[in-house]
Amino acid sequence: LGHAAWAVMADPPPELVAAVVAIS
């Protein structure tokens, strides 16, 4: 799930305001 979160942040949408990534 952390890799999937980085995948969204590779093209960060303007609505994104924070992220938590663990063991990834």
PDB file of all heavy atoms in Angstrom:
ATOM      1  N   LEU A   1       0.825  -1.207   0.000  1.00  0.00           N
ATOM      2  CA  LEU A   1       0.000   0.000   0.000  1.00  0.00           C
ATOM      3  C   LEU A   1       0.860   1.258   0.000  1.00  0.00           C
ATOM      4  O   LEU A   1       0.438   2.312  -0.504  1.00  0.00           O
ATOM      5  CB  LEU A   1      -0.931   0.023   1.207  1.00  0.00           C
ATOM      6  CG  LEU A   1      -2.135  -0.918   1.219  1.00  0.00           C
ATOM      7  CD1 LEU A   1      -1.715  -2.365   1.461  1.00  0.00           C
ATOM      8  CD2 LEU A   1      -3.138  -0.502   2.287  1.00  0.00           C
ATOM      9  N   GLY A   2       2.064   1.168   0.591  1.00  0.00           N
ATOM     10  CA  GLY A   2       2.969   2.309   0.569  1.00  0.00           C
ATOM     11  C   GLY A   2       3.471   2.604  -0.824  1.00  0.00           C
ATOM     12  O   GLY A   2       3.562   3.768  -1.227  1.00  0.00           O
ATOM     13  N   HIS A   3       3.802   1.541  -1.576  1.00  0.00           N
ATOM     14  CA  HIS A   3       4.195   1.757  -2.973  1.00  0.00           C
ATOM     15  C   HIS A   3       3.047   2.380  -3.766  1.00  0.00           C
ATOM     16  O   HIS A   3       3.264   3.287  -4.582  1.00  0.00           O
ATOM     17  CB  HIS A   3       4.614   0.435  -3.612  1.00  0.00           C
ATOM     18  CG  HIS A   3       5.135   0.576  -5.005  1.00  0.00           C
ATOM     19  ND1 HIS A   3       6.477   0.677  -5.299  1.00  0.00           N
ATOM     20  CD2 HIS A   3       4.487   0.663  -6.194  1.00  0.00           C
ATOM     21  CE1 HIS A   3       6.634   0.803  -6.602  1.00  0.00           C
ATOM     22  NE2 HIS A   3       5.443   0.797  -7.170  1.00  0.00           N
ATOM     23  N   ALA A   4       1.824   1.909  -3.499  1.00  0.00           N
ATOM     24  CA  ALA A   4       0.665   2.491  -4.185  1.00  0.00           C
ATOM     25  C   ALA A   4       0.499   3.968  -3.832  1.00  0.00           C
ATOM     26  O   ALA A   4       0.058   4.779  -4.667  1.00  0.00           O
ATOM     27  CB  ALA A   4      -0.596   1.706  -3.833  1.00  0.00           C
ATOM     28  N   ALA A   5       0.857   4.345  -2.600  1.00  0.00           N
ATOM     29  CA  ALA A   5       0.792   5.760  -2.217  1.00  0.00           C
ATOM     30  C   ALA A   5       1.845   6.570  -2.961  1.00  0.00           C
ATOM     31  O   ALA A   5       1.566   7.676  -3.459  1.00  0.00           O
ATOM     32  CB  ALA A   5       0.978   5.902  -0.713  1.00  0.00           C
ATOM     33  N   TRP A   6       3.082   6.046  -3.061  1.00  0.00           N
ATOM     34  CA  TRP A   6       4.116   6.750  -3.841  1.00  0.00           C
ATOM     35  C   TRP A   6       3.683   6.889  -5.303  1.00  0.00           C
ATOM     36  O   TRP A   6       4.014   7.894  -5.967  1.00  0.00           O
ATOM     37  CB  TRP A   6       5.439   6.011  -3.766  1.00  0.00           C
ATOM     38  CG  TRP A   6       6.186   6.163  -2.481  1.00  0.00           C
ATOM     39  CD1 TRP A   6       6.576   5.179  -1.627  1.00  0.00           C
ATOM     40  CD2 TRP A   6       6.643   7.396  -1.887  1.00  0.00           C
ATOM     41  NE1 TRP A   6       7.238   5.706  -0.542  1.00  0.00           N
ATOM     42  CE2 TRP A   6       7.297   7.060  -0.682  1.00  0.00           C
ATOM     43  CE3 TRP A   6       6.555   8.732  -2.264  1.00  0.00           C
ATOM     44  CZ2 TRP A   6       7.862   8.027   0.155  1.00  0.00           C
ATOM     45  CZ3 TRP A   6       7.114   9.700  -1.439  1.00  0.00           C
ATOM     46  CH2 TRP A   6       7.756   9.347  -0.243  1.00  0.00           C
ATOM     47  N   ALA A   7       2.953   5.895  -5.823  1.00  0.00           N
ATOM     48  CA  ALA A   7       2.497   5.964  -7.208  1.00  0.00           C
ATOM     49  C   ALA A   7       1.575   7.158  -7.431  1.00  0.00           C
ATOM     50  O   ALA A   7       1.637   7.825  -8.471  1.00  0.00           O
ATOM     51  CB  ALA A   7       1.791   4.659  -7.588  1.00  0.00           C
ATOM     52  N   VAL A   8       0.723   7.459  -6.454  1.00  0.00           N
ATOM     53  CA  VAL A   8      -0.125   8.653  -6.560  1.00  0.00           C
ATOM     54  C   VAL A   8       0.728   9.912  -6.457  1.00  0.00           C
ATOM     55  O   VAL A   8       0.518  10.895  -7.182  1.00  0.00           O
ATOM     56  CB  VAL A   8      -1.217   8.629  -5.474  1.00  0.00           C
ATOM     57  CG1 VAL A   8      -1.987   9.952  -5.453  1.00  0.00           C
ATOM     58  CG2 VAL A   8      -2.172   7.461  -5.700  1.00  0.00           C
ATOM     59  N   MET A   9       1.737   9.886  -5.577  1.00  0.00           N
ATOM     60  CA  MET A   9       2.573  11.074  -5.392  1.00  0.00           C
ATOM     61  C   MET A   9       3.532  11.321  -6.548  1.00  0.00           C
ATOM     62  O   MET A   9       4.114  12.401  -6.660  1.00  0.00           O
ATOM     63  CB  MET A   9       3.345  10.960  -4.078  1.00  0.00           C
ATOM     64  CG  MET A   9       2.464  11.156  -2.852  1.00  0.00           C
ATOM     65  SD  MET A   9       3.381  11.170  -1.288  1.00  0.00           S
ATOM     66  CE  MET A   9       3.516   9.409  -0.958  1.00  0.00           C
ATOM     67  N   ALA A  10       3.701  10.333  -7.453  1.00  0.00           N
ATOM     68  CA  ALA A  10       4.521  10.568  -8.642  1.00  0.00           C
ATOM     69  C   ALA A  10       3.885  11.618  -9.555  1.00  0.00           C
ATOM     70  O   ALA A  10       4.584  12.288 -10.328  1.00  0.00           O
ATOM     71  CB  ALA A  10       4.732   9.258  -9.395  1.00  0.00           C
ATOM     72  N   ASP A  11       2.573  11.739  -9.474  1.00  0.00           N
ATOM     73  CA  ASP A  11       1.823  12.803 -10.176  1.00  0.00           C
ATOM     74  C   ASP A  11       0.911  13.449  -9.146  1.00  0.00           C
ATOM     75  O   ASP A  11      -0.309  13.280  -9.187  1.00  0.00           O
ATOM     76  CB  ASP A  11       1.005  12.222 -11.331  1.00  0.00           C
ATOM     77  CG  ASP A  11       1.861  11.506 -12.350  1.00  0.00           C
ATOM     78  OD1 ASP A  11       2.627  12.170 -13.043  1.00  0.00           O
ATOM     79  OD2 ASP A  11       1.772  10.262 -12.413  1.00  0.00           O
ATOM     80  N   PRO A  12       1.460  14.195  -8.200  1.00  0.00           N
ATOM     81  CA  PRO A  12       0.679  14.607  -7.029  1.00  0.00           C
ATOM     82  C   PRO A  12      -0.520  15.476  -7.395  1.00  0.00           C
ATOM     83  O   PRO A  12      -0.359  16.534  -8.007  1.00  0.00           O
ATOM     84  CB  PRO A  12       1.697  15.383  -6.181  1.00  0.00           C
ATOM     85  CG  PRO A  12       2.803  15.751  -7.109  1.00  0.00           C
ATOM     86  CD  PRO A  12       2.840  14.703  -8.158  1.00  0.00           C
ATOM     87  N   PRO A  13      -1.719  15.046  -7.033  1.00  0.00           N
ATOM     88  CA  PRO A  13      -2.899  15.842  -7.346  1.00  0.00           C
ATOM     89  C   PRO A  13      -3.000  17.054  -6.415  1.00  0.00           C
ATOM     90  O   PRO A  13      -2.505  17.020  -5.282  1.00  0.00           O
ATOM     91  CB  PRO A  13      -4.052  14.864  -7.101  1.00  0.00           C
ATOM     92  CG  PRO A  13      -3.510  13.878  -6.131  1.00  0.00           C
ATOM     93  CD  PRO A  13      -2.041  13.765  -6.399  1.00  0.00           C
ATOM     94  N   PRO A  14      -3.641  18.120  -6.855  1.00  0.00           N
ATOM     95  CA  PRO A  14      -3.720  19.324  -6.028  1.00  0.00           C
ATOM     96  C   PRO A  14      -4.514  19.126  -4.745  1.00  0.00           C
ATOM     97  O   PRO A  14      -4.327  19.871  -3.784  1.00  0.00           O
ATOM     98  CB  PRO A  14      -4.403  20.350  -6.948  1.00  0.00           C
ATOM     99  CG  PRO A  14      -5.092  19.540  -8.006  1.00  0.00           C
ATOM    100  CD  PRO A  14      -4.249  18.321  -8.192  1.00  0.00           C
ATOM    101  N   GLU A  15      -5.387  18.127  -4.712  1.00  0.00           N
ATOM    102  CA  GLU A  15      -6.189  17.892  -3.516  1.00  0.00           C
ATOM    103  C   GLU A  15      -5.413  17.191  -2.406  1.00  0.00           C
ATOM    104  O   GLU A  15      -5.857  17.146  -1.260  1.00  0.00           O
ATOM    105  CB  GLU A  15      -7.421  17.044  -3.869  1.00  0.00           C
ATOM    106  CG  GLU A  15      -8.367  17.688  -4.867  1.00  0.00           C
ATOM    107  CD  GLU A  15      -7.990  17.385  -6.307  1.00  0.00           C
ATOM    108  OE1 GLU A  15      -6.917  16.762  -6.541  1.00  0.00           O
ATOM    109  OE2 GLU A  15      -8.770  17.747  -7.214  1.00  0.00           O
ATOM    110  N   LEU A  16      -4.257  16.618  -2.728  1.00  0.00           N
ATOM    111  CA  LEU A  16      -3.479  15.890  -1.736  1.00  0.00           C
ATOM    112  C   LEU A  16      -2.853  16.856  -0.739  1.00  0.00           C
ATOM    113  O   LEU A  16      -2.189  17.815  -1.133  1.00  0.00           O
ATOM    114  CB  LEU A  16      -2.382  15.068  -2.417  1.00  0.00           C
ATOM    115  CG  LEU A  16      -1.482  14.248  -1.495  1.00  0.00           C
ATOM    116  CD1 LEU A  16      -2.270  13.140  -0.796  1.00  0.00           C
ATOM    117  CD2 LEU A  16      -0.309  13.657  -2.278  1.00  0.00           C
ATOM    118  N   VAL A  17      -3.042  16.592   0.571  1.00  0.00           N
ATOM    119  CA  VAL A  17      -2.501  17.502   1.582  1.00  0.00           C
ATOM    120  C   VAL A  17      -1.537  16.823   2.548  1.00  0.00           C
ATOM    121  O   VAL A  17      -0.829  17.516   3.292  1.00  0.00           O
ATOM    122  CB  VAL A  17      -3.637  18.180   2.382  1.00  0.00           C
ATOM    123  CG1 VAL A  17      -4.485  19.058   1.467  1.00  0.00           C
ATOM    124  CG2 VAL A  17      -4.503  17.148   3.108  1.00  0.00           C
ATOM    125  N   ALA A  18      -1.477  15.487   2.562  1.00  0.00           N
ATOM    126  CA  ALA A  18      -0.579  14.806   3.494  1.00  0.00           C
ATOM    127  C   ALA A  18      -0.480  13.340   3.095  1.00  0.00           C
ATOM    128  O   ALA A  18      -1.345  12.802   2.381  1.00  0.00           O
ATOM    129  CB  ALA A  18      -1.074  14.919   4.937  1.00  0.00           C
ATOM    130  N   ALA A  19       0.591  12.677   3.577  1.00  0.00           N
ATOM    131  CA  ALA A  19       0.758  11.255   3.310  1.00  0.00           C
ATOM    132  C   ALA A  19       1.501  10.601   4.473  1.00  0.00           C
ATOM    133  O   ALA A  19       2.329  11.225   5.127  1.00  0.00           O
ATOM    134  CB  ALA A  19       1.531  11.037   2.008  1.00  0.00           C
ATOM    135  N   VAL A  20       1.171   9.339   4.715  1.00  0.00           N
ATOM    136  CA  VAL A  20       1.878   8.498   5.682  1.00  0.00           C
ATOM    137  C   VAL A  20       2.249   7.209   4.958  1.00  0.00           C
ATOM    138  O   VAL A  20       1.382   6.524   4.408  1.00  0.00           O
ATOM    139  CB  VAL A  20       1.004   8.171   6.907  1.00  0.00           C
ATOM    140  CG1 VAL A  20       1.788   7.278   7.885  1.00  0.00           C
ATOM    141  CG2 VAL A  20       0.522   9.441   7.595  1.00  0.00           C
ATOM    142  N   VAL A  21       3.540   6.894   4.949  1.00  0.00           N
ATOM    143  CA  VAL A  21       4.041   5.690   4.270  1.00  0.00           C
ATOM    144  C   VAL A  21       4.869   4.887   5.269  1.00  0.00           C
ATOM    145  O   VAL A  21       5.778   5.434   5.906  1.00  0.00           O
ATOM    146  CB  VAL A  21       4.897   6.043   3.042  1.00  0.00           C
ATOM    147  CG1 VAL A  21       5.438   4.775   2.399  1.00  0.00           C
ATOM    148  CG2 VAL A  21       4.095   6.857   2.029  1.00  0.00           C
ATOM    149  N   ALA A  22       4.574   3.597   5.390  1.00  0.00           N
ATOM    150  CA  ALA A  22       5.278   2.737   6.343  1.00  0.00           C
ATOM    151  C   ALA A  22       5.856   1.516   5.638  1.00  0.00           C
ATOM    152  O   ALA A  22       5.260   0.991   4.687  1.00  0.00           O
ATOM    153  CB  ALA A  22       4.328   2.295   7.460  1.00  0.00           C
ATOM    154  N   ILE A  23       7.010   1.065   6.105  1.00  0.00           N
ATOM    155  CA  ILE A  23       7.698  -0.161   5.671  1.00  0.00           C
ATOM    156  C   ILE A  23       7.521  -0.430   4.185  1.00  0.00           C
ATOM    157  O   ILE A  23       7.039  -1.470   3.776  1.00  0.00           O
ATOM    158  CB  ILE A  23       7.274  -1.371   6.522  1.00  0.00           C
ATOM    159  CG1 ILE A  23       5.750  -1.546   6.578  1.00  0.00           C
ATOM    160  CG2 ILE A  23       7.853  -1.260   7.925  1.00  0.00           C
ATOM    161  CD1 ILE A  23       5.304  -2.854   7.248  1.00  0.00           C
ATOM    162  N   SER A  24       7.953   0.507   3.369  1.00  0.00           N
ATOM    163  CA  SER A  24       7.743   0.394   1.930  1.00  0.00           C
ATOM    164  C   SER A  24       8.855   1.124   1.192  1.00  0.00           C
ATOM    165  O   SER A  24       9.521   1.998   1.752  1.00  0.00           O
ATOM    166  CB  SER A  24       6.383   0.976   1.547  1.00  0.00           C
ATOM    167  OG  SER A  24       6.106   0.743   0.183  1.00  0.00           O
TER     168      SER A  24
END
